[in-house]
Amino acid sequence: MARLGCSMVESWEILVAVFQNTGLRLQVVAETIMAAVTGKEPVPRSLLGHLAAAMSRRQVTEHDPGWTG
């Protein structure tokens, strides 16, 4: 997520959003993303949509005129 310009706080919020929307344990979500980043395994299709949605919410919130960060 750092490669996409996410801060540590934003990355945490994205992980939590994916965790809450999938029902998977947070550790499983984090390990899955780390495996994808290191090239060990691709992100499963079942998580891709949730991850994309969390990232797009971040981008919308960040560009919202009322966003304070």
PDB file of N, CA and C in Angstrom:
ATOM      1  N   MET A   1       0.818  -1.181   0.000  1.00  0.00           N
ATOM      2  CA  MET A   1       0.000   0.000   0.000  1.00  0.00           C
ATOM      3  C   MET A   1       0.865   1.249   0.000  1.00  0.00           C
ATOM      4  N   ALA A   2       2.065   1.109   0.541  1.00  0.00           N
ATOM      5  CA  ALA A   2       2.988   2.237   0.519  1.00  0.00           C
ATOM      6  C   ALA A   2       3.343   2.610  -0.914  1.00  0.00           C
ATOM      7  N   ARG A   3       3.411   1.616  -1.794  1.00  0.00           N
ATOM      8  CA  ARG A   3       3.701   1.891  -3.204  1.00  0.00           C
ATOM      9  C   ARG A   3       2.609   2.730  -3.846  1.00  0.00           C
ATOM     10  N   LEU A   4       1.414   2.685  -3.282  1.00  0.00           N
ATOM     11  CA  LEU A   4       0.291   3.447  -3.814  1.00  0.00           C
ATOM     12  C   LEU A   4       0.131   4.790  -3.106  1.00  0.00           C
ATOM     13  N   GLY A   5       1.072   5.114  -2.243  1.00  0.00           N
ATOM     14  CA  GLY A   5       1.046   6.401  -1.561  1.00  0.00           C
ATOM     15  C   GLY A   5       0.209   6.425  -0.303  1.00  0.00           C
ATOM     16  N   CYS A   6      -0.076   5.276   0.263  1.00  0.00           N
ATOM     17  CA  CYS A   6      -0.855   5.210   1.503  1.00  0.00           C
ATOM     18  C   CYS A   6       0.058   5.393   2.702  1.00  0.00           C
ATOM     19  N   SER A   7      -0.411   6.162   3.648  1.00  0.00           N
ATOM     20  CA  SER A   7       0.320   6.286   4.913  1.00  0.00           C
ATOM     21  C   SER A   7       0.074   5.024   5.733  1.00  0.00           C
ATOM     22  N   MET A   8       0.751   4.903   6.861  1.00  0.00           N
ATOM     23  CA  MET A   8       0.529   3.745   7.730  1.00  0.00           C
ATOM     24  C   MET A   8      -0.905   3.730   8.235  1.00  0.00           C
ATOM     25  N   VAL A   9      -1.428   4.889   8.576  1.00  0.00           N
ATOM     26  CA  VAL A   9      -2.804   4.974   9.075  1.00  0.00           C
ATOM     27  C   VAL A   9      -3.790   4.577   7.982  1.00  0.00           C
ATOM     28  N   GLU A  10      -3.588   5.077   6.776  1.00  0.00           N
ATOM     29  CA  GLU A  10      -4.466   4.724   5.660  1.00  0.00           C
ATOM     30  C   GLU A  10      -4.390   3.226   5.358  1.00  0.00           C
ATOM     31  N   SER A  11      -3.201   2.673   5.395  1.00  0.00           N
ATOM     32  CA  SER A  11      -3.035   1.239   5.153  1.00  0.00           C
ATOM     33  C   SER A  11      -3.796   0.425   6.198  1.00  0.00           C
ATOM     34  N   TRP A  12      -3.689   0.837   7.446  1.00  0.00           N
ATOM     35  CA  TRP A  12      -4.407   0.163   8.518  1.00  0.00           C
ATOM     36  C   TRP A  12      -5.912   0.242   8.278  1.00  0.00           C
ATOM     37  N   GLU A  13      -6.399   1.426   7.905  1.00  0.00           N
ATOM     38  CA  GLU A  13      -7.830   1.597   7.661  1.00  0.00           C
ATOM     39  C   GLU A  13      -8.308   0.721   6.501  1.00  0.00           C
ATOM     40  N   ILE A  14      -7.485   0.576   5.483  1.00  0.00           N
ATOM     41  CA  ILE A  14      -7.835  -0.279   4.352  1.00  0.00           C
ATOM     42  C   ILE A  14      -7.876  -1.739   4.787  1.00  0.00           C
ATOM     43  N   LEU A  15      -6.877  -2.171   5.549  1.00  0.00           N
ATOM     44  CA  LEU A  15      -6.869  -3.550   6.057  1.00  0.00           C
ATOM     45  C   LEU A  15      -8.105  -3.833   6.904  1.00  0.00           C
ATOM     46  N   VAL A  16      -8.445  -2.902   7.777  1.00  0.00           N
ATOM     47  CA  VAL A  16      -9.610  -3.081   8.643  1.00  0.00           C
ATOM     48  C   VAL A  16     -10.889  -3.134   7.812  1.00  0.00           C
ATOM     49  N   ALA A  17     -11.000  -2.284   6.803  1.00  0.00           N
ATOM     50  CA  ALA A  17     -12.192  -2.284   5.946  1.00  0.00           C
ATOM     51  C   ALA A  17     -12.347  -3.629   5.239  1.00  0.00           C
ATOM     52  N   VAL A  18     -11.250  -4.164   4.712  1.00  0.00           N
ATOM     53  CA  VAL A  18     -11.305  -5.464   4.032  1.00  0.00           C
ATOM     54  C   VAL A  18     -11.674  -6.550   5.036  1.00  0.00           C
ATOM     55  N   PHE A  19     -11.070  -6.509   6.198  1.00  0.00           N
ATOM     56  CA  PHE A  19     -11.364  -7.464   7.266  1.00  0.00           C
ATOM     57  C   PHE A  19     -12.847  -7.436   7.626  1.00  0.00           C
ATOM     58  N   GLN A  20     -13.390  -6.250   7.806  1.00  0.00           N
ATOM     59  CA  GLN A  20     -14.788  -6.127   8.213  1.00  0.00           C
ATOM     60  C   GLN A  20     -15.753  -6.580   7.118  1.00  0.00           C
ATOM     61  N   ASN A  21     -15.374  -6.393   5.870  1.00  0.00           N
ATOM     62  CA  ASN A  21     -16.274  -6.736   4.768  1.00  0.00           C
ATOM     63  C   ASN A  21     -16.155  -8.188   4.305  1.00  0.00           C
ATOM     64  N   THR A  22     -15.103  -8.876   4.728  1.00  0.00           N
ATOM     65  CA  THR A  22     -14.932 -10.262   4.288  1.00  0.00           C
ATOM     66  C   THR A  22     -15.208 -11.274   5.383  1.00  0.00           C
ATOM     67  N   GLY A  23     -15.081 -10.875   6.628  1.00  0.00           N
ATOM     68  CA  GLY A  23     -15.246 -11.825   7.717  1.00  0.00           C
ATOM     69  C   GLY A  23     -13.988 -12.636   7.989  1.00  0.00           C
ATOM     70  N   LEU A  24     -12.925 -12.387   7.206  1.00  0.00           N
ATOM     71  CA  LEU A  24     -11.651 -13.057   7.449  1.00  0.00           C
ATOM     72  C   LEU A  24     -10.947 -12.393   8.625  1.00  0.00           C
ATOM     73  N   ARG A  25     -10.085 -13.140   9.278  1.00  0.00           N
ATOM     74  CA  ARG A  25      -9.290 -12.551  10.351  1.00  0.00           C
ATOM     75  C   ARG A  25      -8.358 -11.504   9.754  1.00  0.00           C
ATOM     76  N   LEU A  26      -8.096 -10.453  10.507  1.00  0.00           N
ATOM     77  CA  LEU A  26      -7.224  -9.377  10.048  1.00  0.00           C
ATOM     78  C   LEU A  26      -5.846  -9.910   9.676  1.00  0.00           C
ATOM     79  N   GLN A  27      -5.339 -10.843  10.463  1.00  0.00           N
ATOM     80  CA  GLN A  27      -4.026 -11.434  10.185  1.00  0.00           C
ATOM     81  C   GLN A  27      -4.017 -12.127   8.830  1.00  0.00           C
ATOM     82  N   VAL A  28      -5.096 -12.815   8.485  1.00  0.00           N
ATOM     83  CA  VAL A  28      -5.183 -13.508   7.204  1.00  0.00           C
ATOM     84  C   VAL A  28      -5.184 -12.494   6.055  1.00  0.00           C
ATOM     85  N   VAL A  29      -5.925 -11.412   6.211  1.00  0.00           N
ATOM     86  CA  VAL A  29      -5.956 -10.370   5.182  1.00  0.00           C
ATOM     87  C   VAL A  29      -4.557  -9.786   4.988  1.00  0.00           C
ATOM     88  N   ALA A  30      -3.887  -9.446   6.082  1.00  0.00           N
ATOM     89  CA  ALA A  30      -2.541  -8.860   6.000  1.00  0.00           C
ATOM     90  C   ALA A  30      -1.547  -9.839   5.382  1.00  0.00           C
ATOM     91  N   GLU A  31      -1.593 -11.091   5.794  1.00  0.00           N
ATOM     92  CA  GLU A  31      -0.675 -12.094   5.239  1.00  0.00           C
ATOM     93  C   GLU A  31      -0.918 -12.318   3.747  1.00  0.00           C
ATOM     94  N   THR A  32      -2.175 -12.287   3.345  1.00  0.00           N
ATOM     95  CA  THR A  32      -2.518 -12.476   1.939  1.00  0.00           C
ATOM     96  C   THR A  32      -1.968 -11.329   1.093  1.00  0.00           C
ATOM     97  N   ILE A  33      -2.115 -10.116   1.590  1.00  0.00           N
ATOM     98  CA  ILE A  33      -1.604  -8.952   0.859  1.00  0.00           C
ATOM     99  C   ILE A  33      -0.083  -8.986   0.818  1.00  0.00           C
ATOM    100  N   MET A  34       0.550  -9.356   1.917  1.00  0.00           N
ATOM    101  CA  MET A  34       2.015  -9.439   1.940  1.00  0.00           C
ATOM    102  C   MET A  34       2.518 -10.509   0.968  1.00  0.00           C
ATOM    103  N   ALA A  35       1.825 -11.628   0.883  1.00  0.00           N
ATOM    104  CA  ALA A  35       2.224 -12.685  -0.053  1.00  0.00           C
ATOM    105  C   ALA A  35       2.134 -12.179  -1.490  1.00  0.00           C
ATOM    106  N   ALA A  36       1.128 -11.372  -1.772  1.00  0.00           N
ATOM    107  CA  ALA A  36       0.983 -10.819  -3.123  1.00  0.00           C
ATOM    108  C   ALA A  36       2.077  -9.804  -3.423  1.00  0.00           C
ATOM    109  N   VAL A  37       2.387  -8.967  -2.459  1.00  0.00           N
ATOM    110  CA  VAL A  37       3.406  -7.928  -2.664  1.00  0.00           C
ATOM    111  C   VAL A  37       4.783  -8.540  -2.882  1.00  0.00           C
ATOM    112  N   THR A  38       5.060  -9.621  -2.175  1.00  0.00           N
ATOM    113  CA  THR A  38       6.370 -10.260  -2.298  1.00  0.00           C
ATOM    114  C   THR A  38       6.437 -11.240  -3.465  1.00  0.00           C
ATOM    115  N   GLY A  39       5.329 -11.391  -4.178  1.00  0.00           N
ATOM    116  CA  GLY A  39       5.315 -12.243  -5.359  1.00  0.00           C
ATOM    117  C   GLY A  39       5.100 -13.716  -5.086  1.00  0.00           C
ATOM    118  N   LYS A  40       4.783 -14.070  -3.847  1.00  0.00           N
ATOM    119  CA  LYS A  40       4.582 -15.482  -3.508  1.00  0.00           C
ATOM    120  C   LYS A  40       3.265 -16.012  -4.054  1.00  0.00           C
ATOM    121  N   GLU A  41       2.218 -15.208  -3.963  1.00  0.00           N
ATOM    122  CA  GLU A  41       0.891 -15.619  -4.420  1.00  0.00           C
ATOM    123  C   GLU A  41       0.128 -14.379  -4.876  1.00  0.00           C
ATOM    124  N   PRO A  42      -0.738 -14.520  -5.867  1.00  0.00           N
ATOM    125  CA  PRO A  42      -1.584 -13.389  -6.239  1.00  0.00           C
ATOM    126  C   PRO A  42      -2.689 -13.190  -5.194  1.00  0.00           C
ATOM    127  N   VAL A  43      -3.241 -12.002  -5.144  1.00  0.00           N
ATOM    128  CA  VAL A  43      -4.377 -11.766  -4.254  1.00  0.00           C
ATOM    129  C   VAL A  43      -5.558 -12.552  -4.808  1.00  0.00           C
ATOM    130  N   PRO A  44      -6.215 -13.340  -3.974  1.00  0.00           N
ATOM    131  CA  PRO A  44      -7.366 -14.100  -4.448  1.00  0.00           C
ATOM    132  C   PRO A  44      -8.468 -13.181  -4.969  1.00  0.00           C
ATOM    133  N   ARG A  45      -9.153 -13.648  -5.992  1.00  0.00           N
ATOM    134  CA  ARG A  45     -10.242 -12.856  -6.570  1.00  0.00           C
ATOM    135  C   ARG A  45     -11.257 -12.450  -5.516  1.00  0.00           C
ATOM    136  N   SER A  46     -11.476 -13.305  -4.537  1.00  0.00           N
ATOM    137  CA  SER A  46     -12.459 -13.014  -3.494  1.00  0.00           C
ATOM    138  C   SER A  46     -12.083 -11.784  -2.671  1.00  0.00           C
ATOM    139  N   LEU A  47     -10.799 -11.460  -2.615  1.00  0.00           N
ATOM    140  CA  LEU A  47     -10.357 -10.272  -1.877  1.00  0.00           C
ATOM    141  C   LEU A  47     -10.153  -9.059  -2.769  1.00  0.00           C
ATOM    142  N   LEU A  48      -9.908  -9.271  -4.040  1.00  0.00           N
ATOM    143  CA  LEU A  48      -9.608  -8.162  -4.938  1.00  0.00           C
ATOM    144  C   LEU A  48     -10.690  -7.086  -4.938  1.00  0.00           C
ATOM    145  N   GLY A  49     -11.930  -7.508  -5.027  1.00  0.00           N
ATOM    146  CA  GLY A  49     -13.033  -6.551  -5.039  1.00  0.00           C
ATOM    147  C   GLY A  49     -13.105  -5.744  -3.754  1.00  0.00           C
ATOM    148  N   HIS A  50     -12.920  -6.425  -2.629  1.00  0.00           N
ATOM    149  CA  HIS A  50     -12.970  -5.735  -1.334  1.00  0.00           C
ATOM    150  C   HIS A  50     -11.797  -4.765  -1.188  1.00  0.00           C
ATOM    151  N   LEU A  51     -10.639  -5.190  -1.651  1.00  0.00           N
ATOM    152  CA  LEU A  51      -9.460  -4.335  -1.579  1.00  0.00           C
ATOM    153  C   LEU A  51      -9.631  -3.115  -2.482  1.00  0.00           C
ATOM    154  N   ALA A  52     -10.117  -3.327  -3.690  1.00  0.00           N
ATOM    155  CA  ALA A  52     -10.347  -2.219  -4.620  1.00  0.00           C
ATOM    156  C   ALA A  52     -11.372  -1.241  -4.062  1.00  0.00           C
ATOM    157  N   ALA A  53     -12.433  -1.759  -3.452  1.00  0.00           N
ATOM    158  CA  ALA A  53     -13.461  -0.892  -2.873  1.00  0.00           C
ATOM    159  C   ALA A  53     -12.898  -0.058  -1.730  1.00  0.00           C
ATOM    160  N   ALA A  54     -12.101  -0.676  -0.871  1.00  0.00           N
ATOM    161  CA  ALA A  54     -11.500   0.059   0.248  1.00  0.00           C
ATOM    162  C   ALA A  54     -10.540   1.131  -0.256  1.00  0.00           C
ATOM    163  N   MET A  55      -9.778   0.803  -1.296  1.00  0.00           N
ATOM    164  CA  MET A  55      -8.853   1.782  -1.868  1.00  0.00           C
ATOM    165  C   MET A  55      -9.610   2.937  -2.514  1.00  0.00           C
ATOM    166  N   SER A  56     -10.691   2.646  -3.215  1.00  0.00           N
ATOM    167  CA  SER A  56     -11.441   3.717  -3.872  1.00  0.00           C
ATOM    168  C   SER A  56     -12.131   4.600  -2.848  1.00  0.00           C
ATOM    169  N   ARG A  57     -12.599   4.029  -1.737  1.00  0.00           N
ATOM    170  CA  ARG A  57     -13.184   4.852  -0.664  1.00  0.00           C
ATOM    171  C   ARG A  57     -12.130   5.773  -0.087  1.00  0.00           C
ATOM    172  N   ARG A  58     -10.900   5.278   0.038  1.00  0.00           N
ATOM    173  CA  ARG A  58      -9.810   6.109   0.535  1.00  0.00           C
ATOM    174  C   ARG A  58      -9.578   7.279  -0.392  1.00  0.00           C
ATOM    175  N   GLN A  59      -9.556   7.025  -1.685  1.00  0.00           N
ATOM    176  CA  GLN A  59      -9.302   8.083  -2.652  1.00  0.00           C
ATOM    177  C   GLN A  59     -10.431   9.101  -2.667  1.00  0.00           C
ATOM    178  N   VAL A  60     -11.670   8.636  -2.574  1.00  0.00           N
ATOM    179  CA  VAL A  60     -12.807   9.552  -2.545  1.00  0.00           C
ATOM    180  C   VAL A  60     -12.756  10.398  -1.291  1.00  0.00           C
ATOM    181  N   THR A  61     -12.483   9.762  -0.148  1.00  0.00           N
ATOM    182  CA  THR A  61     -12.431  10.493   1.121  1.00  0.00           C
ATOM    183  C   THR A  61     -11.297  11.509   1.111  1.00  0.00           C
ATOM    184  N   GLU A  62     -10.155  11.121   0.581  1.00  0.00           N
ATOM    185  CA  GLU A  62      -9.004  12.009   0.556  1.00  0.00           C
ATOM    186  C   GLU A  62      -9.267  13.254  -0.277  1.00  0.00           C
ATOM    187  N   HIS A  63     -10.034  13.109  -1.361  1.00  0.00           N
ATOM    188  CA  HIS A  63     -10.290  14.242  -2.232  1.00  0.00           C
ATOM    189  C   HIS A  63     -11.561  15.001  -1.878  1.00  0.00           C
ATOM    190  N   ASP A  64     -12.264  14.535  -0.866  1.00  0.00           N
ATOM    191  CA  ASP A  64     -13.465  15.213  -0.401  1.00  0.00           C
ATOM    192  C   ASP A  64     -13.057  16.553   0.208  1.00  0.00           C
ATOM    193  N   PRO A  65     -13.703  17.656  -0.188  1.00  0.00           N
ATOM    194  CA  PRO A  65     -13.308  18.975   0.341  1.00  0.00           C
ATOM    195  C   PRO A  65     -13.388  19.070   1.861  1.00  0.00           C
ATOM    196  N   GLY A  66     -14.228  18.243   2.477  1.00  0.00           N
ATOM    197  CA  GLY A  66     -14.350  18.289   3.930  1.00  0.00           C
ATOM    198  C   GLY A  66     -13.394  17.363   4.649  1.00  0.00           C
ATOM    199  N   TRP A  67     -12.562  16.645   3.894  1.00  0.00           N
ATOM    200  CA  TRP A  67     -11.642  15.684   4.494  1.00  0.00           C
ATOM    201  C   TRP A  67     -10.533  16.415   5.223  1.00  0.00           C
ATOM    202  N   THR A  68     -10.256  15.978   6.456  1.00  0.00           N
ATOM    203  CA  THR A  68      -9.227  16.627   7.264  1.00  0.00           C
ATOM    204  C   THR A  68      -8.011  15.748   7.486  1.00  0.00           C
ATOM    205  N   GLY A  69      -8.060  14.508   7.025  1.00  0.00           N
ATOM    206  CA  GLY A  69      -6.912  13.618   7.115  1.00  0.00           C
ATOM    207  C   GLY A  69      -6.706  13.088   8.458  1.00  0.00           C
TER     208      GLY A  69
END
